[in-house]
Amino acid sequence: MVNLIHKEEQSMARQDYEDYDYEYDDYEDPRDHRYAERPRPQYHEDYEDRPPQRIQERDERNYRRPPDDYRDERYPPHDFEQQREPRSSYDRESEHDLQYEYNERPAKHQIASHKKARPKRPRKKVKRQRPPKRQPKPMKEKKTRKLKQPRVGIRRKTTWFCWLILIASVSFGVYKNFTAINKHTVHEREVVKVKLTDTNAIEAFITDFAKVYYTWEPNQEKLENRQKDLSKFMLNGLVTLNADALRSDIPTTSTVSDIRIWKVEAKKNQVNEVLFTVNQQIKNSQKEDAAKAIESTYSLNVMKNKDGDMVIVTNPTIAAAPSKAKATEKQLQTDSSIDAETTSSITKFLTTFFTLYPSGTTNELKYYVDGGTKPLNKDYRFAELVNPTFHRQGDNIRVDATVKFLDSETDMTQYSQYSLILEKAGSNWTIKSGL
């Protein structure tokens, strides 16, 4: 029985919720500015004598909650530890509920202030009017374009404009032709001239310095004279540096036999680098052996000013002497296009020429050499041609040969190498170049 009453109360509350007029909805969010100043809901005419009840403030928990929650006591939450008080029944006819009398409602929730159902407003049925069907538009008649009739003749404005452009362009061309500058391309050629520097003064200066620097004796007086002589060539700081190089009790004596200067190279700030070799004869007084020949190579820097004065700015430093360069020897072979008859005739011609060449006169050599050559006037005897090779160069023939001569004065055999260009004039051969 209690369950039936409870279900009936739920259905009544749900019916009140469904009959409620939501046109004046009190469950809107107060934070929205559109509902900030909305009027209070109008009460039913039967409740005009009843004082209005306060509508509780809304929050996020009771926002749009139906009254069923309040009937079931599911909201607001209650304290389960306390004993629940008996609740009075709800009378639908009198709209009286002791729980909500004298505006004693639970905090932080709200419901509608009236409970009586408001009759629904009947809606007027308006028949929907369909728009009339679109009627086809009448076809427009196409207008016939008028054909332009071609004009026969010349338009005067266009003709005058074209003539003005033509006259202006011709006048400008004639003006530019008279005022044009004659231009021609100048091809510049840069000629690099090698500036030869006279190094004889530097070589003589270094030779005199080396004779003083690399000559000494175990004598205190001569060593002091050596220091004074070095001050004529070197800076004072270098002279002081070399003061302790030789002691008075030194057991060796040195003399310079030869000085060879290999290179004089110009550097910055009027400084020249000199590479030279000194041949010394070193004799030890403690040994009775003969003097020993020693060859050493050094480099130093010499400053030469505009007036030609020179001074050594660095001490002699050990350096490497120039050595033999590596080169590949060419293996010459006779051209196969030259026949044996030609080679034999050239060999006979060269044998005759070199037999006459050491002692021949200018007039005699004209018959063999094109333009003549200077005579040697030596007592040489021709011996033979060593390994001659023949090569064709256009209409001429080049002969690379080694000629063996015997020197009658020294009894020495000399080998002279020649590369001759021979030209055949008629039936005779002549030497065009190579001597």
Protein backbone atom coordinates (compact mmCIF):
# COMPACT_ATOMS: atom_id res chain seq x y z
CA MET A 1 0.00 0.00 0.00
CA VAL A 2 2.83 2.35 0.84
CA ASN A 3 4.46 1.59 -2.51
CA LEU A 4 1.28 2.42 -4.40
CA ILE A 5 0.97 5.74 -2.57
CA HIS A 6 4.60 6.51 -3.30
CA LYS A 7 4.17 5.67 -7.01
CA GLU A 8 1.02 7.81 -7.15
CA GLU A 9 2.94 10.73 -5.65
CA GLN A 10 5.70 10.26 -8.23
CA SER A 11 3.17 10.25 -11.09
CA MET A 12 1.52 13.40 -9.67
CA ALA A 13 4.84 15.18 -9.40
CA ARG A 14 5.76 14.10 -12.94
CA GLN A 15 2.40 15.40 -14.19
CA ASP A 16 3.07 18.74 -12.48
CA TYR A 17 6.45 18.82 -14.16
CA GLU A 18 4.97 18.13 -17.58
CA ASP A 19 2.16 20.70 -17.16
CA TYR A 20 4.53 23.42 -16.07
CA ASP A 21 4.65 26.37 -18.40
CA TYR A 22 8.25 26.67 -19.56
CA GLU A 23 7.59 29.92 -21.32
CA TYR A 24 8.85 31.61 -18.16
CA ASP A 25 11.60 29.19 -17.35
CA ASP A 26 13.31 29.68 -13.98
CA TYR A 27 15.99 27.06 -14.61
CA GLU A 28 18.14 29.16 -16.92
CA ASP A 29 21.72 29.89 -16.05
CA PRO A 30 22.00 33.27 -14.19
CA ARG A 31 25.52 33.69 -15.57
CA ASP A 32 24.11 34.20 -19.05
CA HIS A 33 23.49 37.89 -19.65
CA ARG A 34 20.36 37.17 -21.72
CA TYR A 35 18.49 36.04 -18.58
CA ALA A 36 19.83 38.65 -16.15
CA GLU A 37 16.69 40.83 -16.02
CA ARG A 38 13.89 38.42 -16.81
CA PRO A 39 10.48 39.02 -15.08
CA ARG A 40 9.21 36.70 -12.42
CA PRO A 41 6.70 34.05 -13.56
CA GLN A 42 3.08 35.07 -13.39
CA TYR A 43 1.13 33.06 -10.82
CA HIS A 44 -2.16 31.37 -11.48
CA GLU A 45 -5.25 33.50 -10.96
CA ASP A 46 -6.34 31.24 -8.08
CA TYR A 47 -3.20 32.15 -6.14
CA GLU A 48 -3.37 35.94 -6.29
CA ASP A 49 -4.24 36.18 -2.58
CA ARG A 50 -1.32 33.92 -1.65
CA PRO A 51 1.96 35.74 -1.00
CA PRO A 52 4.70 34.89 -3.48
CA GLN A 53 7.41 32.57 -2.35
CA ARG A 54 11.11 33.24 -2.73
CA ILE A 55 12.85 31.49 -5.54
CA GLN A 56 16.06 29.94 -4.33
CA GLU A 57 19.33 30.77 -6.05
CA ARG A 58 20.46 28.38 -8.77
CA ASP A 59 23.79 26.67 -9.05
CA GLU A 60 25.39 23.91 -11.13
CA ARG A 61 23.83 21.12 -9.04
CA ASN A 62 20.11 21.97 -9.27
CA TYR A 63 20.23 23.28 -12.83
CA ARG A 64 17.10 22.02 -14.65
CA ARG A 65 16.36 19.19 -12.23
CA PRO A 66 12.79 17.81 -12.26
CA PRO A 67 10.68 17.80 -9.07
CA ASP A 68 10.87 13.96 -8.89
CA ASP A 69 14.28 14.31 -7.29
CA TYR A 70 12.78 16.29 -4.46
CA ARG A 71 9.99 13.79 -3.95
CA ASP A 72 12.38 10.87 -3.67
CA GLU A 73 14.64 12.80 -1.29
CA ARG A 74 17.63 12.13 -3.51
CA TYR A 75 18.49 15.82 -3.53
CA PRO A 76 19.74 17.69 -1.68
CA PRO A 77 21.91 15.10 0.10
CA HIS A 78 21.05 14.37 3.69
CA ASP A 79 22.97 13.08 6.63
CA PHE A 80 22.50 9.30 6.79
CA GLU A 81 23.79 9.08 10.36
CA GLN A 82 20.79 10.96 11.77
CA GLN A 83 17.42 9.32 12.01
CA ARG A 84 15.05 10.45 9.27
CA GLU A 85 12.00 12.25 10.49
CA PRO A 86 8.60 11.09 9.24
CA ARG A 87 7.44 13.05 6.25
CA SER A 88 3.91 14.36 5.83
CA SER A 89 1.94 13.26 2.83
CA TYR A 90 1.48 15.55 -0.08
CA ASP A 91 -2.06 16.73 -0.73
CA ARG A 92 -2.56 17.46 -4.43
CA GLU A 93 -5.98 19.10 -3.99
CA SER A 94 -4.95 21.60 -1.33
CA GLU A 95 -1.46 22.08 -2.78
CA HIS A 96 -0.20 21.95 0.80
CA ASP A 97 3.14 20.52 1.75
CA LEU A 98 4.50 21.09 5.25
CA GLN A 99 8.07 20.73 4.06
CA TYR A 100 7.75 23.78 1.80
CA GLU A 101 5.50 25.90 4.08
CA TYR A 102 6.63 29.34 5.13
CA ASN A 103 9.34 29.28 2.54
CA GLU A 104 11.37 26.72 4.44
CA ARG A 105 13.14 25.05 1.56
CA PRO A 106 16.48 23.27 1.48
CA ALA A 107 19.31 25.56 0.53
CA LYS A 108 20.92 25.71 -2.91
CA HIS A 109 18.03 24.47 -4.99
CA GLN A 110 14.92 25.88 -6.62
CA ILE A 111 11.60 24.70 -7.98
CA ALA A 112 8.58 26.45 -9.38
CA SER A 113 6.66 28.52 -6.84
CA HIS A 114 3.27 27.14 -7.88
CA LYS A 115 2.08 23.57 -8.11
CA LYS A 116 -1.18 23.79 -9.89
CA ALA A 117 -1.19 22.78 -13.48
CA ARG A 118 -1.74 25.53 -15.91
CA PRO A 119 -3.98 24.74 -18.86
CA LYS A 120 -2.11 24.39 -22.11
CA ARG A 121 -2.62 27.02 -24.69
CA PRO A 122 -4.27 25.63 -27.77
CA ARG A 123 -2.25 26.01 -30.93
CA LYS A 124 -3.89 27.29 -34.02
CA LYS A 125 -3.50 24.99 -36.92
CA VAL A 126 -2.26 26.95 -39.82
CA LYS A 127 -2.33 25.26 -43.14
CA ARG A 128 0.93 25.45 -44.91
CA GLN A 129 0.67 27.27 -48.15
CA ARG A 130 2.85 25.92 -50.87
CA PRO A 131 4.49 28.40 -53.16
CA PRO A 132 3.05 28.53 -56.66
CA LYS A 133 4.86 26.54 -59.29
CA ARG A 134 7.44 28.41 -61.26
CA GLN A 135 6.21 29.20 -64.70
CA PRO A 136 8.63 29.07 -67.63
CA LYS A 137 10.01 32.41 -68.67
CA PRO A 138 9.10 33.64 -72.08
CA MET A 139 11.91 33.32 -74.61
CA LYS A 140 13.49 36.60 -75.58
CA GLU A 141 13.90 37.33 -79.17
CA LYS A 142 17.49 37.64 -80.25
CA LYS A 143 18.33 41.00 -81.63
CA THR A 144 20.02 40.96 -84.94
CA ARG A 145 23.30 42.85 -84.90
CA LYS A 146 23.85 45.47 -87.46
CA LEU A 147 26.80 44.75 -89.69
CA LYS A 148 29.32 47.55 -89.85
CA GLN A 149 29.83 48.83 -93.29
CA PRO A 150 33.53 49.02 -94.22
CA ARG A 151 34.78 52.51 -94.77
CA VAL A 152 36.62 53.28 -97.90
CA GLY A 153 39.43 55.78 -97.37
CA ILE A 154 42.08 56.78 -94.84
CA ARG A 155 41.44 58.26 -91.45
CA ARG A 156 43.18 61.55 -91.24
CA LYS A 157 44.10 61.48 -87.52
CA THR A 158 45.74 58.04 -87.68
CA THR A 159 47.59 58.95 -90.85
CA TRP A 160 48.96 62.16 -89.40
CA PHE A 161 50.05 60.35 -86.23
CA CYS A 162 51.95 57.67 -88.16
CA TRP A 163 53.64 60.30 -90.32
CA LEU A 164 54.76 62.21 -87.22
CA ILE A 165 56.30 59.05 -85.69
CA LEU A 166 58.14 58.27 -88.93
CA ILE A 167 59.52 61.81 -89.29
CA ALA A 168 60.61 61.92 -85.61
CA SER A 169 62.45 58.57 -85.80
CA VAL A 170 64.27 59.52 -89.00
CA SER A 171 65.27 62.90 -87.55
CA PHE A 172 66.58 61.27 -84.37
CA GLY A 173 68.61 58.75 -86.37
CA VAL A 174 70.22 61.49 -88.46
CA TYR A 175 71.01 63.51 -85.33
CA LYS A 176 72.64 60.55 -83.61
CA ASN A 177 74.65 59.77 -86.72
CA PHE A 178 76.21 63.25 -86.73
CA THR A 179 76.83 63.36 -82.98
CA ALA A 180 78.05 59.77 -82.60
CA ILE A 181 81.47 59.19 -81.05
CA ASN A 182 83.88 57.11 -83.02
CA LYS A 183 84.58 54.13 -80.79
CA HIS A 184 87.07 51.36 -81.37
CA THR A 185 88.18 48.50 -79.18
CA VAL A 186 91.62 48.86 -77.70
CA HIS A 187 93.31 45.55 -76.98
CA GLU A 188 95.69 46.11 -74.12
CA ARG A 189 98.69 43.88 -73.80
CA GLU A 190 100.49 43.74 -70.52
CA VAL A 191 104.20 43.21 -70.90
CA VAL A 192 105.85 41.87 -67.79
CA LYS A 193 109.43 43.04 -67.65
CA VAL A 194 111.79 41.08 -65.50
CA LYS A 195 113.71 43.48 -63.32
CA LEU A 196 117.28 42.34 -62.99
CA THR A 197 118.88 43.16 -59.68
CA ASP A 198 122.61 43.69 -59.53
CA THR A 199 123.83 41.23 -56.91
CA ASN A 200 127.56 41.73 -57.47
CA ALA A 201 127.85 44.07 -54.49
CA ILE A 202 126.06 41.64 -52.19
CA GLU A 203 128.17 38.72 -53.42
CA ALA A 204 131.40 40.66 -52.83
CA PHE A 205 130.19 41.73 -49.37
CA ILE A 206 129.39 38.13 -48.37
CA THR A 207 132.72 36.86 -49.77
CA ASP A 208 134.72 39.31 -47.67
CA PHE A 209 132.62 38.48 -44.60
CA ALA A 210 133.10 34.72 -45.01
CA LYS A 211 136.89 35.08 -45.25
CA VAL A 212 136.93 36.89 -41.89
CA TYR A 213 134.29 34.77 -40.13
CA TYR A 214 135.69 31.33 -41.06
CA THR A 215 139.39 32.13 -40.53
CA TRP A 216 140.95 31.89 -37.07
CA GLU A 217 144.08 30.92 -35.08
CA PRO A 218 144.57 30.03 -31.39
CA ASN A 219 145.95 33.48 -30.63
CA GLN A 220 144.23 36.01 -28.36
CA GLU A 221 145.43 39.04 -30.31
CA LYS A 222 144.28 37.64 -33.66
CA LEU A 223 140.92 36.65 -32.19
CA GLU A 224 140.39 40.21 -30.96
CA ASN A 225 141.26 41.55 -34.41
CA ARG A 226 138.71 39.10 -35.84
CA GLN A 227 136.01 40.53 -33.58
CA LYS A 228 136.82 44.07 -34.71
CA ASP A 229 136.65 43.03 -38.37
CA LEU A 230 133.26 41.33 -37.84
CA SER A 231 131.81 44.61 -36.53
CA LYS A 232 132.28 46.01 -40.06
CA PHE A 233 129.84 43.43 -41.47
CA MET A 234 127.37 42.46 -38.71
CA LEU A 235 125.04 44.14 -36.23
CA ASN A 236 126.48 44.86 -32.79
CA GLY A 237 124.18 42.30 -31.20
CA LEU A 238 125.48 39.58 -33.52
CA VAL A 239 129.10 40.56 -32.84
CA THR A 240 128.47 40.17 -29.10
CA LEU A 241 126.79 36.82 -29.75
CA ASN A 242 129.87 35.49 -31.59
CA ALA A 243 132.36 36.77 -28.99
CA ASP A 244 132.40 33.41 -27.15
CA ALA A 245 132.35 31.28 -30.31
CA LEU A 246 136.16 30.90 -30.36
CA ARG A 247 138.38 30.55 -27.28
CA SER A 248 142.05 31.47 -27.12
CA ASP A 249 142.97 27.85 -26.31
CA ILE A 250 141.20 26.42 -29.36
CA PRO A 251 143.38 23.62 -30.85
CA THR A 252 142.38 24.16 -34.52
CA THR A 253 143.43 26.59 -37.19
CA SER A 254 141.14 27.41 -40.13
CA THR A 255 141.77 28.99 -43.51
CA VAL A 256 139.28 29.59 -46.31
CA SER A 257 140.17 28.04 -49.67
CA ASP A 258 137.01 28.76 -51.70
CA ILE A 259 133.63 30.55 -51.41
CA ARG A 260 130.72 29.87 -53.80
CA ILE A 261 127.50 31.90 -53.71
CA TRP A 262 124.50 29.91 -54.98
CA LYS A 263 121.56 32.26 -54.59
CA VAL A 264 120.68 35.87 -53.75
CA GLU A 265 116.91 36.20 -53.26
CA ALA A 266 115.19 39.51 -52.49
CA LYS A 267 112.84 39.54 -49.48
CA LYS A 268 110.74 42.25 -47.81
CA ASN A 269 112.06 45.44 -46.23
CA GLN A 270 115.23 45.62 -48.38
CA VAL A 271 116.45 42.26 -47.06
CA ASN A 272 118.17 39.68 -49.29
CA GLU A 273 118.67 36.02 -48.46
CA VAL A 274 122.07 34.63 -49.51
CA LEU A 275 122.96 30.94 -49.84
CA PHE A 276 126.71 30.20 -50.03
CA THR A 277 129.25 27.40 -49.57
CA VAL A 278 132.62 27.71 -47.80
CA ASN A 279 135.59 25.35 -48.31
CA GLN A 280 137.88 25.33 -45.24
CA GLN A 281 141.24 23.77 -44.49
CA ILE A 282 141.18 22.69 -40.82
CA LYS A 283 144.46 21.79 -39.11
CA ASN A 284 144.64 20.44 -35.56
CA SER A 285 147.74 21.43 -33.57
CA GLN A 286 147.42 18.39 -31.31
CA LYS A 287 147.65 16.05 -34.28
CA GLU A 288 150.45 15.85 -36.82
CA ASP A 289 148.08 14.94 -39.65
CA ALA A 290 147.74 17.09 -42.74
CA ALA A 291 145.07 19.76 -43.05
CA LYS A 292 141.54 18.43 -43.55
CA ALA A 293 139.24 19.90 -46.23
CA ILE A 294 135.71 20.67 -45.03
CA GLU A 295 132.85 22.01 -47.17
CA SER A 296 129.85 23.66 -45.45
CA THR A 297 126.79 25.52 -46.74
CA TYR A 298 125.15 28.42 -44.89
CA SER A 299 122.41 31.02 -45.39
CA LEU A 300 122.08 34.51 -43.95
CA ASN A 301 120.13 37.74 -44.49
CA VAL A 302 121.70 40.96 -45.70
CA MET A 303 119.97 44.33 -45.67
CA LYS A 304 120.86 46.80 -48.42
CA ASN A 305 119.48 50.35 -48.30
CA LYS A 306 118.94 52.82 -51.14
CA ASP A 307 122.45 54.25 -50.74
CA GLY A 308 124.00 50.81 -51.28
CA ASP A 309 125.12 50.32 -47.68
CA MET A 310 124.84 46.74 -46.41
CA VAL A 311 124.75 44.98 -43.05
CA ILE A 312 124.25 41.35 -42.02
CA VAL A 313 121.12 41.05 -39.86
CA THR A 314 121.18 37.28 -39.10
CA ASN A 315 123.91 34.89 -38.08
CA PRO A 316 125.10 32.27 -40.64
CA THR A 317 122.71 29.32 -40.42
CA ILE A 318 123.40 25.78 -41.60
CA ALA A 319 121.59 25.00 -44.86
CA ALA A 320 121.50 22.35 -47.59
CA ALA A 321 123.58 22.82 -50.72
CA PRO A 322 122.00 22.49 -54.16
CA SER A 323 122.11 18.90 -55.42
CA LYS A 324 121.87 17.14 -58.74
CA ALA A 325 118.47 17.37 -60.41
CA LYS A 326 116.65 14.37 -61.81
CA ALA A 327 115.90 14.32 -65.52
CA THR A 328 114.82 11.64 -67.97
CA GLU A 329 116.97 10.91 -71.00
CA LYS A 330 115.26 10.84 -74.37
CA GLN A 331 115.87 7.75 -76.45
CA LEU A 332 116.16 9.04 -80.02
CA GLN A 333 115.46 6.75 -82.96
CA THR A 334 115.67 7.30 -86.68
CA ASP A 335 112.42 8.05 -88.49
CA SER A 336 111.35 5.04 -90.55
CA SER A 337 110.06 7.27 -93.37
CA ILE A 338 113.64 8.22 -94.34
CA ASP A 339 115.25 5.73 -96.70
CA ALA A 340 118.82 4.41 -96.48
CA GLU A 341 120.05 6.37 -99.50
CA THR A 342 119.12 9.66 -97.86
CA THR A 343 120.80 8.77 -94.56
CA SER A 344 124.02 7.73 -96.31
CA SER A 345 124.18 10.96 -98.31
CA ILE A 346 123.61 13.03 -95.15
CA THR A 347 126.32 11.06 -93.31
CA LYS A 348 128.85 11.76 -96.09
CA PHE A 349 127.94 15.48 -96.05
CA LEU A 350 128.38 15.79 -92.26
CA THR A 351 131.70 13.89 -92.32
CA THR A 352 133.06 16.31 -94.91
CA PHE A 353 131.76 19.35 -93.00
CA PHE A 354 133.10 18.43 -89.52
CA THR A 355 136.49 17.54 -91.02
CA LEU A 356 136.74 21.10 -92.34
CA TYR A 357 134.88 22.87 -89.51
CA PRO A 358 137.67 23.24 -86.80
CA SER A 359 140.19 24.85 -89.17
CA GLY A 360 138.02 26.17 -92.05
CA THR A 361 137.75 29.85 -93.02
CA THR A 362 134.62 31.94 -93.33
CA ASN A 363 134.50 31.66 -97.14
CA GLU A 364 134.97 27.89 -97.05
CA LEU A 365 132.16 27.41 -94.52
CA LYS A 366 129.67 29.39 -96.64
CA TYR A 367 129.29 26.42 -98.99
CA TYR A 368 128.10 24.18 -96.13
CA VAL A 369 126.18 26.55 -93.83
CA ASP A 370 123.28 28.75 -94.95
CA GLY A 371 124.39 32.31 -94.19
CA GLY A 372 127.84 31.23 -93.02
CA THR A 373 129.24 30.77 -89.49
CA LYS A 374 132.25 31.84 -87.46
CA PRO A 375 135.39 29.68 -87.77
CA LEU A 376 136.79 27.84 -84.72
CA ASN A 377 140.50 28.09 -85.55
CA LYS A 378 141.33 25.07 -83.40
CA ASP A 379 143.66 22.12 -84.01
CA TYR A 380 140.97 19.45 -83.73
CA ARG A 381 140.88 16.27 -85.79
CA PHE A 382 137.53 14.76 -86.71
CA ALA A 383 137.24 11.12 -85.64
CA GLU A 384 133.67 9.93 -86.26
CA LEU A 385 129.90 10.53 -85.91
CA VAL A 386 128.51 8.72 -82.86
CA ASN A 387 124.92 7.39 -83.08
CA PRO A 388 123.37 9.90 -85.52
CA THR A 389 119.53 9.89 -85.72
CA PHE A 390 117.43 11.33 -88.53
CA HIS A 391 113.94 12.86 -88.24
CA ARG A 392 111.78 14.47 -90.91
CA GLN A 393 110.43 17.99 -90.24
CA GLY A 394 108.33 19.04 -93.20
CA ASP A 395 110.66 19.43 -96.18
CA ASN A 396 113.74 19.43 -93.93
CA ILE A 397 115.55 16.75 -91.94
CA ARG A 398 116.80 17.10 -88.39
CA VAL A 399 119.97 15.25 -87.42
CA ASP A 400 120.90 14.63 -83.76
CA ALA A 401 124.54 13.52 -83.65
CA THR A 402 127.54 13.37 -81.32
CA VAL A 403 130.83 14.34 -83.03
CA LYS A 404 134.11 12.89 -81.72
CA PHE A 405 137.15 15.20 -81.97
CA LEU A 406 140.78 14.63 -80.95
CA ASP A 407 142.51 17.65 -79.38
CA SER A 408 146.08 17.78 -80.70
CA GLU A 409 147.27 20.18 -77.97
CA THR A 410 145.96 18.34 -74.92
CA ASP A 411 145.58 14.84 -76.45
CA MET A 412 142.06 14.78 -75.04
CA THR A 413 139.06 13.31 -76.79
CA GLN A 414 136.12 15.71 -76.95
CA TYR A 415 132.54 14.76 -77.70
CA SER A 416 130.40 17.60 -79.07
CA GLN A 417 126.63 17.18 -79.48
CA TYR A 418 124.73 18.90 -82.28
CA SER A 419 121.09 19.13 -83.39
CA LEU A 420 121.23 20.26 -87.03
CA ILE A 421 118.46 21.15 -89.47
CA LEU A 422 119.48 20.15 -93.02
CA GLU A 423 117.90 21.45 -96.20
CA LYS A 424 118.45 19.98 -99.65
CA ALA A 425 119.01 22.51 -102.41
CA GLY A 426 119.15 20.59 -105.70
CA SER A 427 121.49 17.67 -105.14
CA ASN A 428 123.50 19.26 -102.29
CA TRP A 429 122.73 19.52 -98.55
CA THR A 430 123.14 22.70 -96.50
CA ILE A 431 122.98 23.31 -92.76
CA LYS A 432 120.09 25.69 -92.07
CA SER A 433 120.50 25.98 -88.26
CA GLY A 434 121.99 24.22 -85.28
CA LEU A 435 125.57 25.47 -85.05
